[in-house]
Every structure is written in C-alpha cells, then in structure tokens.
Amino acid sequence: MRIVGFVTSLMGPDGEAHGYVIGYEPEVNETLPIYLSVLQSTVDDAIGFRASRLSLGRTALTPKANLGCLPQPMVCLIRHRVPTMNPLLSVMFRLVE
C-alpha cells in the first residue's frame, strides 16, 4: 500500500471546516484524479462535521470551482517594521485582488 494523497480536515469553533493541509503525488495525479479525490474527501468531512461552511484556501482555484466552490474576499493586515512604509504598503495592497 502506498499513500498518494492526504488531507487534514479541521473544524473551527465558528462552525467552519477547513481543508488545512492537502498533499498528493503529482506523478500519480497525472493519470488518476488524486487531487480532486482529496478535495471531495474534505467536502465529505465537512458534511460529517455538520459544518456551516468549508474553506479550502486560495490556491488551485479551478479544481475547487469545478466542485462548486466560490472565492470569498480576504482581509490582510500588514504592518512594516519601518512605520513610514505603512502608508505606502496600504496603497500597494489595495491594488491587489
């Protein structure tokens, strides 16, 4: 037996499940839908948790969209160690979607 994919599913105190760590063998994924199966198992875990929502992170959006996932807005708080840089960073990060 060989492990070719894994996921860690966590349930947050707010009722939201998280597919926290997802890993798979890329070579095996070329011939078998390992990544998709791992994503589907997080949906199964969230149902088992009776979660109100499931968060799968922000990477690999296309496979997640194929499952029906929708992107959600994120909030990013940033503070530079040089205080005079903070206004510049604030402007720069408003340009990022």
PDB file of N, CA and C in Angstrom:
ATOM      1  N   MET A   1       0.852  -1.179   0.000  1.00  0.00           N
ATOM      2  CA  MET A   1       0.000   0.000   0.000  1.00  0.00           C
ATOM      3  C   MET A   1       0.893   1.235   0.000  1.00  0.00           C
ATOM      4  N   ARG A   2       0.482   2.219  -0.776  1.00  0.00           N
ATOM      5  CA  ARG A   2       1.250   3.452  -0.903  1.00  0.00           C
ATOM      6  C   ARG A   2       0.293   4.640  -0.778  1.00  0.00           C
ATOM      7  N   ILE A   3       0.635   5.597   0.053  1.00  0.00           N
ATOM      8  CA  ILE A   3      -0.182   6.807   0.208  1.00  0.00           C
ATOM      9  C   ILE A   3       0.189   7.760  -0.924  1.00  0.00           C
ATOM     10  N   VAL A   4      -0.808   8.160  -1.717  1.00  0.00           N
ATOM     11  CA  VAL A   4      -0.570   9.062  -2.839  1.00  0.00           C
ATOM     12  C   VAL A   4      -1.262  10.410  -2.654  1.00  0.00           C
ATOM     13  N   GLY A   5      -2.055  10.546  -1.598  1.00  0.00           N
ATOM     14  CA  GLY A   5      -2.713  11.807  -1.310  1.00  0.00           C
ATOM     15  C   GLY A   5      -3.208  11.834   0.121  1.00  0.00           C
ATOM     16  N   PHE A   6      -3.284  13.030   0.679  1.00  0.00           N
ATOM     17  CA  PHE A   6      -3.773  13.162   2.057  1.00  0.00           C
ATOM     18  C   PHE A   6      -4.346  14.555   2.254  1.00  0.00           C
ATOM     19  N   VAL A   7      -5.159  14.686   3.274  1.00  0.00           N
ATOM     20  CA  VAL A   7      -5.705  15.979   3.670  1.00  0.00           C
ATOM     21  C   VAL A   7      -5.926  15.961   5.177  1.00  0.00           C
ATOM     22  N   THR A   8      -5.758  17.108   5.795  1.00  0.00           N
ATOM     23  CA  THR A   8      -6.107  17.279   7.197  1.00  0.00           C
ATOM     24  C   THR A   8      -7.319  18.190   7.246  1.00  0.00           C
ATOM     25  N   SER A   9      -8.418  17.675   7.737  1.00  0.00           N
ATOM     26  CA  SER A   9      -9.642  18.470   7.859  1.00  0.00           C
ATOM     27  C   SER A   9      -9.816  18.873   9.317  1.00  0.00           C
ATOM     28  N   LEU A  10     -10.059  20.149   9.524  1.00  0.00           N
ATOM     29  CA  LEU A  10     -10.245  20.678  10.871  1.00  0.00           C
ATOM     30  C   LEU A  10     -11.587  21.377  10.970  1.00  0.00           C
ATOM     31  N   MET A  11     -12.163  21.329  12.143  1.00  0.00           N
ATOM     32  CA  MET A  11     -13.420  22.038  12.398  1.00  0.00           C
ATOM     33  C   MET A  11     -13.133  23.197  13.332  1.00  0.00           C
ATOM     34  N   GLY A  12     -13.474  24.391  12.892  1.00  0.00           N
ATOM     35  CA  GLY A  12     -13.242  25.574  13.702  1.00  0.00           C
ATOM     36  C   GLY A  12     -14.382  25.803  14.682  1.00  0.00           C
ATOM     37  N   PRO A  13     -14.147  26.611  15.717  1.00  0.00           N
ATOM     38  CA  PRO A  13     -15.187  26.882  16.703  1.00  0.00           C
ATOM     39  C   PRO A  13     -16.352  27.697  16.135  1.00  0.00           C
ATOM     40  N   ASP A  14     -16.121  28.318  14.964  1.00  0.00           N
ATOM     41  CA  ASP A  14     -17.166  29.129  14.335  1.00  0.00           C
ATOM     42  C   ASP A  14     -18.071  28.308  13.417  1.00  0.00           C
ATOM     43  N   GLY A  15     -17.899  26.984  13.406  1.00  0.00           N
ATOM     44  CA  GLY A  15     -18.732  26.129  12.568  1.00  0.00           C
ATOM     45  C   GLY A  15     -18.218  25.972  11.152  1.00  0.00           C
ATOM     46  N   GLU A  16     -17.031  26.490  10.880  1.00  0.00           N
ATOM     47  CA  GLU A  16     -16.433  26.397   9.548  1.00  0.00           C
ATOM     48  C   GLU A  16     -15.379  25.305   9.525  1.00  0.00           C
ATOM     49  N   ALA A  17     -15.487  24.402   8.557  1.00  0.00           N
ATOM     50  CA  ALA A  17     -14.493  23.351   8.376  1.00  0.00           C
ATOM     51  C   ALA A  17     -13.383  23.884   7.468  1.00  0.00           C
ATOM     52  N   HIS A  18     -12.181  23.352   7.647  1.00  0.00           N
ATOM     53  CA  HIS A  18     -11.027  23.782   6.864  1.00  0.00           C
ATOM     54  C   HIS A  18     -10.308  22.559   6.317  1.00  0.00           C
ATOM     55  N   GLY A  19     -10.080  22.555   5.002  1.00  0.00           N
ATOM     56  CA  GLY A  19      -9.165  21.584   4.406  1.00  0.00           C
ATOM     57  C   GLY A  19      -7.791  22.180   4.571  1.00  0.00           C
ATOM     58  N   TYR A  20      -7.109  21.820   5.649  1.00  0.00           N
ATOM     59  CA  TYR A  20      -5.937  22.566   6.111  1.00  0.00           C
ATOM     60  C   TYR A  20      -4.660  22.223   5.365  1.00  0.00           C
ATOM     61  N   VAL A  21      -4.308  20.965   5.284  1.00  0.00           N
ATOM     62  CA  VAL A  21      -3.088  20.550   4.607  1.00  0.00           C
ATOM     63  C   VAL A  21      -3.484  19.531   3.556  1.00  0.00           C
ATOM     64  N   ILE A  22      -3.204  19.845   2.304  1.00  0.00           N
ATOM     65  CA  ILE A  22      -3.521  18.930   1.214  1.00  0.00           C
ATOM     66  C   ILE A  22      -2.222  18.580   0.511  1.00  0.00           C
ATOM     67  N   GLY A  23      -2.012  17.292   0.301  1.00  0.00           N
ATOM     68  CA  GLY A  23      -0.823  16.855  -0.410  1.00  0.00           C
ATOM     69  C   GLY A  23      -1.150  15.690  -1.322  1.00  0.00           C
ATOM     70  N   TYR A  24      -0.411  15.579  -2.401  1.00  0.00           N
ATOM     71  CA  TYR A  24      -0.619  14.470  -3.336  1.00  0.00           C
ATOM     72  C   TYR A  24       0.642  14.275  -4.169  1.00  0.00           C
ATOM     73  N   GLU A  25       0.754  13.103  -4.748  1.00  0.00           N
ATOM     74  CA  GLU A  25       1.871  12.776  -5.628  1.00  0.00           C
ATOM     75  C   GLU A  25       1.540  13.306  -7.025  1.00  0.00           C
ATOM     76  N   PRO A  26       2.252  14.317  -7.514  1.00  0.00           N
ATOM     77  CA  PRO A  26       1.934  14.889  -8.832  1.00  0.00           C
ATOM     78  C   PRO A  26       2.016  13.870  -9.970  1.00  0.00           C
ATOM     79  N   GLU A  27       2.967  12.931  -9.891  1.00  0.00           N
ATOM     80  CA  GLU A  27       3.110  11.944 -10.965  1.00  0.00           C
ATOM     81  C   GLU A  27       1.869  11.046 -11.049  1.00  0.00           C
ATOM     82  N   VAL A  28       1.354  10.651  -9.897  1.00  0.00           N
ATOM     83  CA  VAL A  28       0.168   9.798  -9.862  1.00  0.00           C
ATOM     84  C   VAL A  28      -1.051  10.599 -10.290  1.00  0.00           C
ATOM     85  N   ASN A  29      -1.088  11.884  -9.921  1.00  0.00           N
ATOM     86  CA  ASN A  29      -2.218  12.743 -10.257  1.00  0.00           C
ATOM     87  C   ASN A  29      -2.357  12.951 -11.771  1.00  0.00           C
ATOM     88  N   GLU A  30      -1.295  12.728 -12.520  1.00  0.00           N
ATOM     89  CA  GLU A  30      -1.356  12.855 -13.979  1.00  0.00           C
ATOM     90  C   GLU A  30      -2.246  11.780 -14.598  1.00  0.00           C
ATOM     91  N   THR A  31      -2.337  10.618 -13.960  1.00  0.00           N
ATOM     92  CA  THR A  31      -3.133   9.519 -14.515  1.00  0.00           C
ATOM     93  C   THR A  31      -4.410   9.246 -13.718  1.00  0.00           C
ATOM     94  N   LEU A  32      -4.430   9.620 -12.462  1.00  0.00           N
ATOM     95  CA  LEU A  32      -5.605   9.417 -11.602  1.00  0.00           C
ATOM     96  C   LEU A  32      -5.975  10.750 -10.944  1.00  0.00           C
ATOM     97  N   PRO A  33      -7.252  11.014 -10.722  1.00  0.00           N
ATOM     98  CA  PRO A  33      -7.669  12.304 -10.147  1.00  0.00           C
ATOM     99  C   PRO A  33      -7.466  12.366  -8.630  1.00  0.00           C
ATOM    100  N   ILE A  34      -6.221  12.269  -8.189  1.00  0.00           N
ATOM    101  CA  ILE A  34      -5.916  12.245  -6.749  1.00  0.00           C
ATOM    102  C   ILE A  34      -6.331  13.556  -6.087  1.00  0.00           C
ATOM    103  N   TYR A  35      -5.920  14.691  -6.678  1.00  0.00           N
ATOM    104  CA  TYR A  35      -6.224  15.987  -6.065  1.00  0.00           C
ATOM    105  C   TYR A  35      -7.735  16.189  -5.935  1.00  0.00           C
ATOM    106  N   LEU A  36      -8.465  15.868  -6.984  1.00  0.00           N
ATOM    107  CA  LEU A  36      -9.919  16.002  -6.940  1.00  0.00           C
ATOM    108  C   LEU A  36     -10.525  15.093  -5.872  1.00  0.00           C
ATOM    109  N   SER A  37     -10.004  13.887  -5.743  1.00  0.00           N
ATOM    110  CA  SER A  37     -10.497  12.958  -4.714  1.00  0.00           C
ATOM    111  C   SER A  37     -10.231  13.496  -3.314  1.00  0.00           C
ATOM    112  N   VAL A  38      -9.068  14.106  -3.124  1.00  0.00           N
ATOM    113  CA  VAL A  38      -8.732  14.678  -1.816  1.00  0.00           C
ATOM    114  C   VAL A  38      -9.676  15.842  -1.511  1.00  0.00           C
ATOM    115  N   LEU A  39      -9.957  16.681  -2.514  1.00  0.00           N
ATOM    116  CA  LEU A  39     -10.901  17.783  -2.302  1.00  0.00           C
ATOM    117  C   LEU A  39     -12.290  17.249  -1.960  1.00  0.00           C
ATOM    118  N   GLN A  40     -12.707  16.205  -2.656  1.00  0.00           N
ATOM    119  CA  GLN A  40     -14.017  15.613  -2.383  1.00  0.00           C
ATOM    120  C   GLN A  40     -14.071  15.040  -0.964  1.00  0.00           C
ATOM    121  N   SER A  41     -12.960  14.521  -0.482  1.00  0.00           N
ATOM    122  CA  SER A  41     -12.966  13.982   0.886  1.00  0.00           C
ATOM    123  C   SER A  41     -13.100  15.100   1.919  1.00  0.00           C
ATOM    124  N   THR A  42     -12.618  16.318   1.600  1.00  0.00           N
ATOM    125  CA  THR A  42     -12.822  17.431   2.533  1.00  0.00           C
ATOM    126  C   THR A  42     -14.294  17.829   2.577  1.00  0.00           C
ATOM    127  N   VAL A  43     -14.979  17.735   1.439  1.00  0.00           N
ATOM    128  CA  VAL A  43     -16.421  18.008   1.417  1.00  0.00           C
ATOM    129  C   VAL A  43     -17.130  16.968   2.277  1.00  0.00           C
ATOM    130  N   ASP A  44     -16.735  15.716   2.133  1.00  0.00           N
ATOM    131  CA  ASP A  44     -17.325  14.642   2.940  1.00  0.00           C
ATOM    132  C   ASP A  44     -17.067  14.886   4.430  1.00  0.00           C
ATOM    133  N   ASP A  45     -15.841  15.297   4.776  1.00  0.00           N
ATOM    134  CA  ASP A  45     -15.527  15.598   6.177  1.00  0.00           C
ATOM    135  C   ASP A  45     -16.391  16.740   6.704  1.00  0.00           C
ATOM    136  N   ALA A  46     -16.553  17.794   5.886  1.00  0.00           N
ATOM    137  CA  ALA A  46     -17.351  18.952   6.320  1.00  0.00           C
ATOM    138  C   ALA A  46     -18.799  18.548   6.569  1.00  0.00           C
ATOM    139  N   ILE A  47     -19.327  17.675   5.719  1.00  0.00           N
ATOM    140  CA  ILE A  47     -20.692  17.174   5.932  1.00  0.00           C
ATOM    141  C   ILE A  47     -20.753  16.377   7.232  1.00  0.00           C
ATOM    142  N   GLY A  48     -19.742  15.543   7.457  1.00  0.00           N
ATOM    143  CA  GLY A  48     -19.683  14.761   8.695  1.00  0.00           C
ATOM    144  C   GLY A  48     -19.567  15.628   9.938  1.00  0.00           C
ATOM    145  N   PHE A  49     -18.847  16.753   9.804  1.00  0.00           N
ATOM    146  CA  PHE A  49     -18.715  17.704  10.916  1.00  0.00           C
ATOM    147  C   PHE A  49     -19.993  18.511  11.121  1.00  0.00           C
ATOM    148  N   ARG A  50     -20.898  18.463  10.152  1.00  0.00           N
ATOM    149  CA  ARG A  50     -22.080  19.326  10.118  1.00  0.00           C
ATOM    150  C   ARG A  50     -21.667  20.799  10.094  1.00  0.00           C
ATOM    151  N   ALA A  51     -20.638  21.081   9.312  1.00  0.00           N
ATOM    152  CA  ALA A  51     -20.105  22.438   9.211  1.00  0.00           C
ATOM    153  C   ALA A  51     -21.054  23.328   8.417  1.00  0.00           C
ATOM    154  N   SER A  52     -21.053  24.605   8.761  1.00  0.00           N
ATOM    155  CA  SER A  52     -21.874  25.562   8.025  1.00  0.00           C
ATOM    156  C   SER A  52     -21.174  26.026   6.751  1.00  0.00           C
ATOM    157  N   ARG A  53     -19.853  25.950   6.737  1.00  0.00           N
ATOM    158  CA  ARG A  53     -19.044  26.362   5.574  1.00  0.00           C
ATOM    159  C   ARG A  53     -17.803  25.493   5.499  1.00  0.00           C
ATOM    160  N   LEU A  54     -17.165  25.515   4.332  1.00  0.00           N
ATOM    161  CA  LEU A  54     -15.904  24.796   4.122  1.00  0.00           C
ATOM    162  C   LEU A  54     -14.927  25.740   3.456  1.00  0.00           C
ATOM    163  N   SER A  55     -13.751  25.874   4.027  1.00  0.00           N
ATOM    164  CA  SER A  55     -12.696  26.701   3.449  1.00  0.00           C
ATOM    165  C   SER A  55     -11.593  25.787   2.930  1.00  0.00           C
ATOM    166  N   LEU A  56     -11.235  25.989   1.654  1.00  0.00           N
ATOM    167  CA  LEU A  56     -10.180  25.171   1.051  1.00  0.00           C
ATOM    168  C   LEU A  56      -8.955  25.992   0.679  1.00  0.00           C
ATOM    169  N   GLY A  57      -8.887  27.228   1.098  1.00  0.00           N
ATOM    170  CA  GLY A  57      -7.726  28.054   0.801  1.00  0.00           C
ATOM    171  C   GLY A  57      -7.839  28.748  -0.539  1.00  0.00           C
ATOM    172  N   ARG A  58      -6.750  29.416  -0.947  1.00  0.00           N
ATOM    173  CA  ARG A  58      -6.784  30.268  -2.132  1.00  0.00           C
ATOM    174  C   ARG A  58      -5.971  29.728  -3.306  1.00  0.00           C
ATOM    175  N   THR A  59      -5.363  28.570  -3.186  1.00  0.00           N
ATOM    176  CA  THR A  59      -4.572  28.040  -4.291  1.00  0.00           C
ATOM    177  C   THR A  59      -5.411  27.106  -5.146  1.00  0.00           C
ATOM    178  N   ALA A  60      -4.981  26.872  -6.364  1.00  0.00           N
ATOM    179  CA  ALA A  60      -5.631  25.938  -7.292  1.00  0.00           C
ATOM    180  C   ALA A  60      -7.136  26.186  -7.372  1.00  0.00           C
ATOM    181  N   LEU A  61      -7.510  27.362  -7.823  1.00  0.00           N
ATOM    182  CA  LEU A  61      -8.916  27.758  -7.832  1.00  0.00           C
ATOM    183  C   LEU A  61      -9.772  26.975  -8.823  1.00  0.00           C
ATOM    184  N   THR A  62      -9.214  26.566  -9.956  1.00  0.00           N
ATOM    185  CA  THR A  62     -10.016  25.882 -10.977  1.00  0.00           C
ATOM    186  C   THR A  62     -10.584  24.552 -10.495  1.00  0.00           C
ATOM    187  N   PRO A  63      -9.775  23.658  -9.906  1.00  0.00           N
ATOM    188  CA  PRO A  63     -10.371  22.402  -9.420  1.00  0.00           C
ATOM    189  C   PRO A  63     -11.438  22.639  -8.354  1.00  0.00           C
ATOM    190  N   LYS A  64     -11.231  23.636  -7.516  1.00  0.00           N
ATOM    191  CA  LYS A  64     -12.214  23.941  -6.471  1.00  0.00           C
ATOM    192  C   LYS A  64     -13.485  24.515  -7.083  1.00  0.00           C
ATOM    193  N   ALA A  65     -13.342  25.337  -8.118  1.00  0.00           N
ATOM    194  CA  ALA A  65     -14.515  25.875  -8.806  1.00  0.00           C
ATOM    195  C   ALA A  65     -15.298  24.745  -9.473  1.00  0.00           C
ATOM    196  N   ASN A  66     -14.601  23.717  -9.958  1.00  0.00           N
ATOM    197  CA  ASN A  66     -15.272  22.567 -10.567  1.00  0.00           C
ATOM    198  C   ASN A  66     -16.131  21.809  -9.556  1.00  0.00           C
ATOM    199  N   LEU A  67     -15.803  21.946  -8.271  1.00  0.00           N
ATOM    200  CA  LEU A  67     -16.613  21.337  -7.207  1.00  0.00           C
ATOM    201  C   LEU A  67     -17.771  22.242  -6.790  1.00  0.00           C
ATOM    202  N   GLY A  68     -17.795  23.464  -7.311  1.00  0.00           N
ATOM    203  CA  GLY A  68     -18.851  24.402  -6.948  1.00  0.00           C
ATOM    204  C   GLY A  68     -18.428  25.442  -5.932  1.00  0.00           C
ATOM    205  N   CYS A  69     -17.157  25.478  -5.604  1.00  0.00           N
ATOM    206  CA  CYS A  69     -16.665  26.461  -4.631  1.00  0.00           C
ATOM    207  C   CYS A  69     -16.673  27.863  -5.235  1.00  0.00           C
ATOM    208  N   LEU A  70     -16.886  28.842  -4.388  1.00  0.00           N
ATOM    209  CA  LEU A  70     -16.869  30.238  -4.804  1.00  0.00           C
ATOM    210  C   LEU A  70     -15.787  30.978  -4.023  1.00  0.00           C
ATOM    211  N   PRO A  71     -15.009  31.848  -4.692  1.00  0.00           N
ATOM    212  CA  PRO A  71     -13.997  32.612  -3.961  1.00  0.00           C
ATOM    213  C   PRO A  71     -14.663  33.609  -3.024  1.00  0.00           C
ATOM    214  N   GLN A  72     -14.057  33.815  -1.890  1.00  0.00           N
ATOM    215  CA  GLN A  72     -14.559  34.755  -0.890  1.00  0.00           C
ATOM    216  C   GLN A  72     -13.515  35.839  -0.660  1.00  0.00           C
ATOM    217  N   PRO A  73     -13.956  37.063  -0.346  1.00  0.00           N
ATOM    218  CA  PRO A  73     -12.986  38.126  -0.083  1.00  0.00           C
ATOM    219  C   PRO A  73     -12.128  37.798   1.131  1.00  0.00           C
ATOM    220  N   MET A  74     -10.897  38.257   1.063  1.00  0.00           N
ATOM    221  CA  MET A  74      -9.959  38.055   2.175  1.00  0.00           C
ATOM    222  C   MET A  74      -9.577  39.401   2.773  1.00  0.00           C
ATOM    223  N   VAL A  75      -9.168  39.349   4.003  1.00  0.00           N
ATOM    224  CA  VAL A  75      -8.644  40.531   4.680  1.00  0.00           C
ATOM    225  C   VAL A  75      -7.197  40.232   5.024  1.00  0.00           C
ATOM    226  N   CYS A  76      -6.335  41.173   4.733  1.00  0.00           N
ATOM    227  CA  CYS A  76      -4.917  41.009   5.037  1.00  0.00           C
ATOM    228  C   CYS A  76      -4.466  42.220   5.843  1.00  0.00           C
ATOM    229  N   LEU A  77      -3.969  41.964   7.025  1.00  0.00           N
ATOM    230  CA  LEU A  77      -3.447  43.037   7.864  1.00  0.00           C
ATOM    231  C   LEU A  77      -1.925  42.995   7.773  1.00  0.00           C
ATOM    232  N   ILE A  78      -1.343  44.132   7.460  1.00  0.00           N
ATOM    233  CA  ILE A  78       0.105  44.182   7.271  1.00  0.00           C
ATOM    234  C   ILE A  78       0.667  45.380   8.012  1.00  0.00           C
ATOM    235  N   ARG A  79       1.804  45.184   8.589  1.00  0.00           N
ATOM    236  CA  ARG A  79       2.477  46.278   9.287  1.00  0.00           C
ATOM    237  C   ARG A  79       3.966  46.127   9.053  1.00  0.00           C
ATOM    238  N   HIS A  80       4.586  47.150   8.527  1.00  0.00           N
ATOM    239  CA  HIS A  80       6.018  47.117   8.261  1.00  0.00           C
ATOM    240  C   HIS A  80       6.772  47.516   9.527  1.00  0.00           C
ATOM    241  N   ARG A  81       7.969  46.980   9.672  1.00  0.00           N
ATOM    242  CA  ARG A  81       8.754  47.335  10.872  1.00  0.00           C
ATOM    243  C   ARG A  81       9.249  48.777  10.828  1.00  0.00           C
ATOM    244  N   VAL A  82       9.252  49.366   9.609  1.00  0.00           N
ATOM    245  CA  VAL A  82       9.587  50.782   9.461  1.00  0.00           C
ATOM    246  C   VAL A  82       8.261  51.533   9.300  1.00  0.00           C
ATOM    247  N   PRO A  83       7.812  52.238  10.325  1.00  0.00           N
ATOM    248  CA  PRO A  83       6.480  52.857  10.321  1.00  0.00           C
ATOM    249  C   PRO A  83       6.196  53.760   9.124  1.00  0.00           C
ATOM    250  N   THR A  84       7.207  54.435   8.592  1.00  0.00           N
ATOM    251  CA  THR A  84       6.968  55.329   7.455  1.00  0.00           C
ATOM    252  C   THR A  84       6.594  54.561   6.185  1.00  0.00           C
ATOM    253  N   MET A  85       6.832  53.250   6.145  1.00  0.00           N
ATOM    254  CA  MET A  85       6.473  52.433   4.987  1.00  0.00           C
ATOM    255  C   MET A  85       5.003  52.029   5.004  1.00  0.00           C
ATOM    256  N   ASN A  86       4.349  52.098   6.150  1.00  0.00           N
ATOM    257  CA  ASN A  86       2.967  51.616   6.261  1.00  0.00           C
ATOM    258  C   ASN A  86       1.990  52.309   5.308  1.00  0.00           C
ATOM    259  N   PRO A  87       2.019  53.640   5.151  1.00  0.00           N
ATOM    260  CA  PRO A  87       1.086  54.255   4.185  1.00  0.00           C
ATOM    261  C   PRO A  87       1.316  53.760   2.751  1.00  0.00           C
ATOM    262  N   LEU A  88       2.563  53.564   2.365  1.00  0.00           N
ATOM    263  CA  LEU A  88       2.876  53.072   1.022  1.00  0.00           C
ATOM    264  C   LEU A  88       2.361  51.642   0.840  1.00  0.00           C
ATOM    265  N   LEU A  89       2.579  50.793   1.839  1.00  0.00           N
ATOM    266  CA  LEU A  89       2.090  49.422   1.760  1.00  0.00           C
ATOM    267  C   LEU A  89       0.570  49.377   1.704  1.00  0.00           C
ATOM    268  N   SER A  90      -0.070  50.259   2.423  1.00  0.00           N
ATOM    269  CA  SER A  90      -1.520  50.321   2.419  1.00  0.00           C
ATOM    270  C   SER A  90      -2.040  50.600   1.018  1.00  0.00           C
ATOM    271  N   VAL A  91      -1.439  51.528   0.326  1.00  0.00           N
ATOM    272  CA  VAL A  91      -1.844  51.856  -1.028  1.00  0.00           C
ATOM    273  C   VAL A  91      -1.553  50.689  -1.977  1.00  0.00           C
ATOM    274  N   MET A  92      -0.384  50.094  -1.845  1.00  0.00           N
ATOM    275  CA  MET A  92       0.014  48.991  -2.729  1.00  0.00           C
ATOM    276  C   MET A  92      -0.932  47.792  -2.577  1.00  0.00           C
ATOM    277  N   PHE A  93      -1.283  47.445  -1.359  1.00  0.00           N
ATOM    278  CA  PHE A  93      -2.108  46.255  -1.132  1.00  0.00           C
ATOM    279  C   PHE A  93      -3.572  46.487  -1.486  1.00  0.00           C
ATOM    280  N   ARG A  94      -4.010  47.718  -1.582  1.00  0.00           N
ATOM    281  CA  ARG A  94      -5.376  47.975  -2.055  1.00  0.00           C
ATOM    282  C   ARG A  94      -5.511  47.649  -3.542  1.00  0.00           C
ATOM    283  N   LEU A  95      -4.384  47.633  -4.257  1.00  0.00           N
ATOM    284  CA  LEU A  95      -4.392  47.329  -5.690  1.00  0.00           C
ATOM    285  C   LEU A  95      -4.447  45.846  -5.971  1.00  0.00           C
ATOM    286  N   VAL A  96      -4.171  45.018  -4.957  1.00  0.00           N
ATOM    287  CA  VAL A  96      -4.144  43.567  -5.134  1.00  0.00           C
ATOM    288  C   VAL A  96      -5.527  42.991  -4.885  1.00  0.00           C
ATOM    289  N   GLU A  97      -5.987  42.146  -5.803  1.00  0.00           N
ATOM    290  CA  GLU A  97      -7.277  41.469  -5.614  1.00  0.00           C
ATOM    291  C   GLU A  97      -7.041  40.083  -5.078  1.00  0.00           C
TER     292      GLU A  97
END
